[in-house]
């Protein structure tokens, strides 16, 4: 005699997909973030190298 198969509804195991529920009003491209980080690093290197002279600090 063949057994009847009972199918249970599939679930996501408690995982929530937030990107489906929320959309930001503004978005920043990842390339802009990389450029901003590189710019901050270059400014910091320049300040360590020539910052005292540019700001008039003797040391």
Protein backbone atom coordinates (compact mmCIF):
# COMPACT_ATOMS: atom_id res chain seq x y z
CA UNK A 1 0.00 0.00 0.00
CA UNK A 2 1.37 3.42 -0.99
CA UNK A 3 1.90 6.00 1.75
CA UNK A 4 0.36 9.45 1.47
CA UNK A 5 2.89 12.26 1.37
CA UNK A 6 2.27 15.31 3.49
CA UNK A 7 4.05 18.45 2.35
CA UNK A 8 4.81 21.11 4.92
CA UNK A 9 5.04 24.77 3.96
CA UNK A 10 8.60 25.89 3.36
CA UNK A 11 10.08 28.51 5.62
CA UNK A 12 13.22 30.61 5.76
CA UNK A 13 14.30 29.26 9.13
CA UNK A 14 13.84 32.54 10.97
CA UNK A 15 15.91 34.60 8.54
CA UNK A 16 14.59 38.04 7.67
CA UNK A 17 15.39 39.73 4.38
CA UNK A 18 15.55 43.42 5.26
CA UNK A 19 16.55 44.63 1.81
CA UNK A 20 13.12 43.67 0.54
CA UNK A 21 11.40 45.79 3.19
CA UNK A 22 13.44 49.03 3.27
CA UNK A 23 14.54 51.32 0.47
CA UNK A 24 16.81 54.26 1.31
CA UNK A 25 15.93 57.72 0.01
CA UNK A 26 19.51 58.23 -1.17
CA UNK A 27 22.13 55.77 -2.26
CA UNK A 28 25.91 56.19 -2.49
CA UNK A 29 27.85 54.19 -5.04
CA UNK A 30 30.63 52.04 -3.56
CA UNK A 31 33.17 53.68 -5.88
CA UNK A 32 32.53 57.07 -4.24
CA UNK A 33 33.24 55.57 -0.82
CA UNK A 34 36.54 54.11 -2.03
CA UNK A 35 37.58 57.47 -3.52
CA UNK A 36 36.65 59.27 -0.30
CA UNK A 37 38.70 56.84 1.81
CA UNK A 38 41.73 57.20 -0.48
CA UNK A 39 41.39 61.00 -0.35
CA UNK A 40 41.31 60.98 3.46
CA UNK A 41 44.40 58.73 3.56
CA UNK A 42 46.30 61.03 1.18
CA UNK A 43 45.35 64.12 3.23
CA UNK A 44 46.48 62.41 6.42
CA UNK A 45 49.82 61.42 4.87
CA UNK A 46 50.35 64.99 3.63
CA UNK A 47 49.57 66.41 7.08
CA UNK A 48 52.06 64.05 8.74
CA UNK A 49 54.69 64.96 6.16
CA UNK A 50 54.25 68.74 5.84
CA UNK A 51 51.53 69.57 8.35
CA UNK A 52 53.70 71.32 10.95
CA UNK A 53 55.12 73.71 8.36
CA UNK A 54 51.73 74.40 6.79
CA UNK A 55 50.08 75.10 10.13
CA UNK A 56 52.97 77.16 11.48
CA UNK A 57 53.75 74.77 14.32
CA UNK A 58 57.39 74.56 15.29
CA UNK A 59 58.57 71.25 16.53
